[in-house]
């Protein structure tokens, strides 16, 4: 005589099987890359100030899937080259500590060209560069500010940048807001790109080479400056977005300027702060959570053996 399972037990087992089928997207191993992931902050950025991370909640989410993750701290405001040399030193330290031969760099905003600098001068140490809302063709906001702000503003900006670095535990990092603004301007970025062209599109709003000197290049960005009424940063980004004269942008960087290597997407309904899950996780409720985007990118790198 054959015994049949109770209906409730059958339902339970079916539910468990269904969960197993969708589990890989969140299971251990989903973000486990071959090389460590290194997160690089942008202008006026930091690794963490007290309980607040610049990449809010992103590093733990990546680690939960198996990734080795390091969050670097470079000058909150300085030229791309100065920040790049600081990052290069930290990359060497990470490699020495882990025994890895390369790293996967993920840079936000000014962190993107900072990462590109390292990949350009030491491609042997870098497996990939991912630009998130990166200033890869300059920012109209920087252009406007350079032509409009008085000299005293740079002194104030240096003081703010110094305070940020002090609070984040890096008080000796040099700050130079004028150099930062120049680096992020259209002209400054164009000059940087002539020296470090890897992954940069050669056509207007196009894609760049997806692999140069053994380094893979990716980019993604948002295109909606105002996304959540509860986010105190959104009104500011809605104002700075006016500098782009209607061109698609995230509030500080145009979508076309964010392009680098393989463009994953340049039109997420996210703004420049949302791209790093700020302000403390207050982002667009009707768009993919930015933490998920970082996890997806780690899985993409994993699929390439990186």
Protein backbone atom coordinates (compact mmCIF):
# COMPACT_ATOMS: atom_id res chain seq x y z
CA UNK A 1 0.00 0.00 0.00
CA UNK A 2 1.40 3.41 -0.98
CA UNK A 3 1.25 6.27 1.50
CA UNK A 4 0.52 9.79 0.29
CA UNK A 5 2.08 12.83 1.93
CA UNK A 6 -0.31 15.14 3.77
CA UNK A 7 -1.38 18.10 1.64
CA UNK A 8 0.25 20.60 4.02
CA UNK A 9 3.60 18.76 3.86
CA UNK A 10 3.41 18.58 0.06
CA UNK A 11 2.83 22.33 -0.08
CA UNK A 12 5.76 22.96 2.27
CA UNK A 13 8.15 20.84 0.22
CA UNK A 14 7.01 22.52 -3.01
CA UNK A 15 7.61 25.92 -1.45
CA UNK A 16 11.11 24.93 -0.35
CA UNK A 17 11.93 23.66 -3.84
CA UNK A 18 10.68 26.92 -5.37
CA UNK A 19 12.90 28.93 -3.02
CA UNK A 20 15.91 26.84 -3.96
CA UNK A 21 15.31 27.64 -7.62
CA UNK A 22 15.53 31.39 -7.00
CA UNK A 23 18.14 31.28 -4.24
CA UNK A 24 21.31 31.67 -6.33
CA UNK A 25 20.68 35.41 -6.82
CA UNK A 26 21.17 35.96 -3.09
CA UNK A 27 23.11 32.88 -2.00
CA UNK A 28 26.69 32.73 -0.82
CA UNK A 29 28.98 32.76 -3.83
CA UNK A 30 26.88 35.10 -5.98
CA UNK A 31 29.34 37.99 -5.53
CA UNK A 32 32.48 35.92 -4.98
CA UNK A 33 34.97 37.32 -7.47
CA UNK A 34 38.43 35.94 -8.13
CA UNK A 35 40.06 39.26 -7.27
CA UNK A 36 39.21 41.63 -4.38
CA UNK A 37 36.70 44.41 -5.04
CA UNK A 38 37.98 47.89 -4.19
CA UNK A 39 35.46 50.73 -3.78
CA UNK A 40 36.69 54.26 -4.58
CA UNK A 41 34.75 57.34 -3.45
CA UNK A 42 34.17 60.58 -5.31
CA UNK A 43 34.56 64.29 -4.57
CA UNK A 44 34.07 65.18 -0.89
CA UNK A 45 33.84 61.46 -0.26
CA UNK A 46 35.19 59.18 2.46
CA UNK A 47 35.26 55.55 3.47
CA UNK A 48 33.08 56.04 6.53
CA UNK A 49 32.27 58.76 9.05
CA UNK A 50 31.08 57.07 12.21
CA UNK A 51 28.21 54.74 11.32
CA UNK A 52 27.70 56.25 7.86
CA UNK A 53 29.47 54.63 4.91
CA UNK A 54 29.93 56.51 1.65
CA UNK A 55 28.96 53.31 -0.20
CA UNK A 56 26.07 52.85 2.19
CA UNK A 57 25.40 49.18 2.92
CA UNK A 58 27.15 48.10 -0.28
CA UNK A 59 30.34 46.53 1.10
CA UNK A 60 28.46 44.25 3.57
CA UNK A 61 26.05 43.19 0.81
CA UNK A 62 28.95 42.23 -1.44
CA UNK A 63 30.73 40.39 1.37
CA UNK A 64 27.57 38.45 2.21
CA UNK A 65 27.82 36.80 -1.21
CA UNK A 66 31.47 35.88 -0.81
CA UNK A 67 33.37 38.90 -2.15
CA UNK A 68 36.51 40.31 -0.57
CA UNK A 69 35.79 44.04 -0.37
CA UNK A 70 38.01 46.98 0.53
CA UNK A 71 36.84 50.59 0.84
CA UNK A 72 39.64 53.06 0.16
CA UNK A 73 40.07 56.64 1.28
CA UNK A 74 41.78 59.23 -0.93
CA UNK A 75 41.77 63.03 -0.75
CA UNK A 76 38.22 64.32 -0.51
CA UNK A 77 39.21 67.09 -2.94
CA UNK A 78 42.26 67.00 -5.17
CA UNK A 79 43.37 66.36 -8.73
CA UNK A 80 42.72 63.02 -10.39
CA UNK A 81 46.44 62.28 -10.55
CA UNK A 82 47.04 62.98 -6.85
CA UNK A 83 44.06 60.86 -5.87
CA UNK A 84 45.20 58.20 -8.34
CA UNK A 85 48.65 57.92 -6.77
CA UNK A 86 47.03 57.62 -3.32
CA UNK A 87 44.77 54.86 -4.62
CA UNK A 88 47.68 53.07 -6.28
CA UNK A 89 49.49 52.90 -2.94
CA UNK A 90 46.41 51.41 -1.27
CA UNK A 91 45.96 48.88 -4.08
CA UNK A 92 49.53 47.69 -3.54
CA UNK A 93 48.83 47.37 0.20
CA UNK A 94 45.66 45.36 -0.48
CA UNK A 95 47.51 43.02 -2.82
CA UNK A 96 50.28 42.53 -0.27
CA UNK A 97 47.75 41.78 2.48
CA UNK A 98 45.62 39.37 0.44
CA UNK A 99 48.17 37.70 -1.80
CA UNK A 100 45.98 38.55 -4.80
CA UNK A 101 47.63 39.62 -8.04
CA UNK A 102 44.95 42.07 -9.19
CA UNK A 103 41.91 44.02 -7.97
CA UNK A 104 38.51 44.98 -9.37
CA UNK A 105 38.13 48.75 -8.99
CA UNK A 106 34.64 50.28 -8.69
CA UNK A 107 34.73 54.08 -8.63
CA UNK A 108 31.87 56.52 -8.13
CA UNK A 109 31.93 60.04 -9.59
CA UNK A 110 35.52 61.34 -9.30
CA UNK A 111 36.39 57.84 -8.12
CA UNK A 112 35.96 56.62 -11.70
CA UNK A 113 38.81 58.63 -13.31
CA UNK A 114 40.82 58.03 -10.12
CA UNK A 115 40.45 54.29 -10.74
CA UNK A 116 41.17 54.74 -14.45
CA UNK A 117 44.48 56.41 -13.56
CA UNK A 118 45.62 53.34 -11.63
CA UNK A 119 44.53 51.00 -14.44
CA UNK A 120 46.36 53.16 -16.96
CA UNK A 121 49.71 53.37 -15.16
CA UNK A 122 49.63 49.85 -13.65
CA UNK A 123 47.33 47.66 -15.76
CA UNK A 124 49.12 44.60 -14.40
CA UNK A 125 47.52 45.25 -11.01
CA UNK A 126 43.95 45.79 -12.22
CA UNK A 127 41.46 43.21 -13.50
CA UNK A 128 38.59 45.62 -14.14
CA UNK A 129 37.38 49.18 -13.70
CA UNK A 130 33.69 49.89 -13.18
CA UNK A 131 32.59 53.51 -13.44
CA UNK A 132 29.43 54.43 -11.50
CA UNK A 133 28.16 57.89 -12.41
CA UNK A 134 31.74 58.59 -13.39
CA UNK A 135 33.04 61.93 -14.62
CA UNK A 136 34.66 60.50 -17.74
CA UNK A 137 34.03 63.42 -20.11
CA UNK A 138 33.85 66.23 -17.55
CA UNK A 139 30.91 67.83 -15.77
CA UNK A 140 29.01 70.95 -16.77
CA UNK A 141 28.52 71.66 -13.07
CA UNK A 142 32.29 71.95 -12.63
CA UNK A 143 32.47 74.21 -15.68
CA UNK A 144 29.84 76.55 -14.25
CA UNK A 145 31.43 76.64 -10.79
CA UNK A 146 34.92 77.39 -12.13
CA UNK A 147 33.58 80.41 -13.94
CA UNK A 148 31.33 81.64 -11.15
CA UNK A 149 32.75 81.03 -7.67
CA UNK A 150 35.18 83.47 -5.99
CA UNK A 151 38.60 82.34 -4.80
CA UNK A 152 37.48 82.28 -1.17
CA UNK A 153 35.11 79.46 -2.03
CA UNK A 154 38.05 77.16 -2.69
CA UNK A 155 39.43 77.91 0.77
CA UNK A 156 36.10 77.00 2.30
CA UNK A 157 35.94 73.85 0.19
CA UNK A 158 39.44 72.88 1.31
CA UNK A 159 38.40 73.30 4.94
CA UNK A 160 35.30 71.12 4.38
CA UNK A 161 37.35 68.46 2.59
CA UNK A 162 39.91 68.52 5.41
CA UNK A 163 37.18 68.08 8.00
CA UNK A 164 35.72 65.13 6.08
CA UNK A 165 39.12 63.45 5.90
CA UNK A 166 39.74 64.12 9.60
CA UNK A 167 36.40 62.63 10.62
CA UNK A 168 37.00 59.58 8.44
CA UNK A 169 40.39 58.92 10.02
CA UNK A 170 42.66 60.28 7.27
CA UNK A 171 43.67 63.73 8.57
CA UNK A 172 46.97 63.93 6.66
CA UNK A 173 45.54 63.63 3.15
CA UNK A 174 46.22 66.84 1.16
CA UNK A 175 43.22 68.84 -0.08
CA UNK A 176 43.09 71.06 -3.16
CA UNK A 177 39.57 71.98 -4.22
CA UNK A 178 40.74 74.11 -7.14
CA UNK A 179 42.70 71.17 -8.57
CA UNK A 180 39.65 68.95 -8.11
CA UNK A 181 37.40 71.39 -9.97
CA UNK A 182 39.90 71.66 -12.80
CA UNK A 183 40.18 67.87 -13.07
CA UNK A 184 36.39 67.49 -13.20
CA UNK A 185 35.82 70.24 -15.76
CA UNK A 186 35.27 69.43 -19.41
CA UNK A 187 38.67 70.82 -20.40
CA UNK A 188 40.48 69.19 -17.49
CA UNK A 189 38.95 65.81 -18.19
CA UNK A 190 39.75 66.08 -21.89
CA UNK A 191 43.41 66.69 -21.04
CA UNK A 192 43.38 63.73 -18.64
CA UNK A 193 41.82 61.53 -21.31
CA UNK A 194 44.62 62.27 -23.77
CA UNK A 195 47.06 60.87 -21.22
CA UNK A 196 44.84 58.02 -20.05
CA UNK A 197 42.42 57.13 -22.88
CA UNK A 198 41.71 53.51 -21.93
CA UNK A 199 38.00 52.67 -22.15
CA UNK A 200 36.96 56.22 -23.13
CA UNK A 201 34.48 56.41 -26.06
CA UNK A 202 35.87 57.88 -29.26
CA UNK A 203 32.42 58.99 -30.44
CA UNK A 204 29.89 61.28 -28.81
CA UNK A 205 27.87 59.31 -26.26
CA UNK A 206 29.25 56.03 -27.57
CA UNK A 207 30.90 53.06 -25.91
CA UNK A 208 34.61 52.67 -25.32
CA UNK A 209 36.76 49.57 -25.68
CA UNK A 210 35.56 46.95 -23.23
CA UNK A 211 39.08 45.61 -22.67
CA UNK A 212 42.41 47.41 -22.90
CA UNK A 213 45.81 46.08 -21.78
CA UNK A 214 44.04 43.16 -20.12
CA UNK A 215 41.75 45.42 -18.07
CA UNK A 216 37.96 45.20 -18.49
CA UNK A 217 36.00 48.49 -18.47
CA UNK A 218 32.32 48.94 -17.51
CA UNK A 219 30.01 51.82 -16.65
CA UNK A 220 26.50 52.53 -15.41
CA UNK A 221 24.74 55.63 -14.13
CA UNK A 222 21.44 57.21 -13.17
CA UNK A 223 19.46 59.83 -15.06
CA UNK A 224 16.86 61.23 -12.65
CA UNK A 225 18.07 64.09 -10.41
CA UNK A 226 15.00 64.13 -8.13
CA UNK A 227 13.89 60.71 -6.90
CA UNK A 228 12.61 60.87 -3.31
CA UNK A 229 10.94 63.72 -1.43
CA UNK A 230 12.43 62.44 1.83
CA UNK A 231 16.01 62.81 0.58
CA UNK A 232 17.50 66.16 1.61
CA UNK A 233 20.03 66.00 -1.24
CA UNK A 234 17.47 65.77 -4.03
CA UNK A 235 16.52 69.49 -4.19
CA UNK A 236 20.21 70.37 -4.54
CA UNK A 237 20.69 67.87 -7.36
CA UNK A 238 17.53 69.12 -9.06
CA UNK A 239 19.12 72.58 -9.05
CA UNK A 240 22.54 71.51 -10.32
CA UNK A 241 20.81 69.48 -13.05
CA UNK A 242 19.85 72.79 -14.69
CA UNK A 243 23.49 73.16 -15.80
CA UNK A 244 22.95 70.41 -18.39
CA UNK A 245 20.32 72.32 -20.39
CA UNK A 246 17.94 69.38 -20.61
CA UNK A 247 20.51 66.69 -21.42
CA UNK A 248 20.00 63.43 -19.55
CA UNK A 249 21.90 63.53 -16.24
CA UNK A 250 21.98 62.35 -12.62
CA UNK A 251 22.24 65.85 -11.16
CA UNK A 252 26.02 66.17 -11.40
CA UNK A 253 27.12 64.09 -14.39
CA UNK A 254 25.50 63.76 -17.80
CA UNK A 255 24.63 60.27 -18.95
CA UNK A 256 26.92 60.58 -21.97
CA UNK A 257 29.83 61.74 -19.79
CA UNK A 258 29.40 58.67 -17.59
CA UNK A 259 30.14 56.28 -20.47
CA UNK A 260 33.22 54.10 -20.16
CA UNK A 261 33.95 50.77 -21.81
CA UNK A 262 30.89 48.52 -21.86
CA UNK A 263 27.88 50.65 -20.92
CA UNK A 264 25.55 48.54 -18.80
CA UNK A 265 22.92 51.31 -18.54
CA UNK A 266 22.95 55.10 -18.36
CA UNK A 267 19.31 55.73 -17.50
CA UNK A 268 18.49 54.19 -14.13
CA UNK A 269 15.92 56.30 -12.27
CA UNK A 270 18.59 57.25 -9.74
CA UNK A 271 20.50 60.42 -9.00
CA UNK A 272 24.18 60.95 -8.19
CA UNK A 273 23.74 60.18 -4.48
CA UNK A 274 21.37 57.27 -5.08
CA UNK A 275 24.16 55.60 -7.06
CA UNK A 276 25.98 54.92 -3.76
CA UNK A 277 22.76 54.27 -1.81
CA UNK A 278 22.77 57.71 -0.17
CA UNK A 279 21.27 59.46 1.77
CA UNK A 280 21.51 56.48 4.20
CA UNK A 281 19.55 54.28 1.86
CA UNK A 282 16.85 56.79 0.86
CA UNK A 283 16.61 56.22 -2.88
CA UNK A 284 13.98 55.77 -5.57
CA UNK A 285 11.45 53.19 -4.36
CA UNK A 286 10.41 52.46 -7.94
CA UNK A 287 13.86 51.61 -9.30
CA UNK A 288 16.20 48.69 -8.72
CA UNK A 289 17.91 49.09 -5.36
CA UNK A 290 21.45 50.38 -5.97
CA UNK A 291 22.87 47.71 -3.65
CA UNK A 292 21.46 45.13 -6.05
CA UNK A 293 23.25 46.83 -8.96
CA UNK A 294 26.61 46.41 -7.22
CA UNK A 295 25.83 42.77 -6.49
CA UNK A 296 24.90 42.22 -10.12
CA UNK A 297 28.16 43.79 -11.25
CA UNK A 298 30.16 41.56 -8.91
CA UNK A 299 28.36 38.55 -10.38
CA UNK A 300 29.12 39.85 -13.87
CA UNK A 301 32.82 40.03 -12.97
CA UNK A 302 32.61 36.55 -11.52
CA UNK A 303 31.22 35.27 -14.81
CA UNK A 304 34.27 36.67 -16.60
CA UNK A 305 36.62 34.93 -14.20
CA UNK A 306 37.60 38.20 -12.55
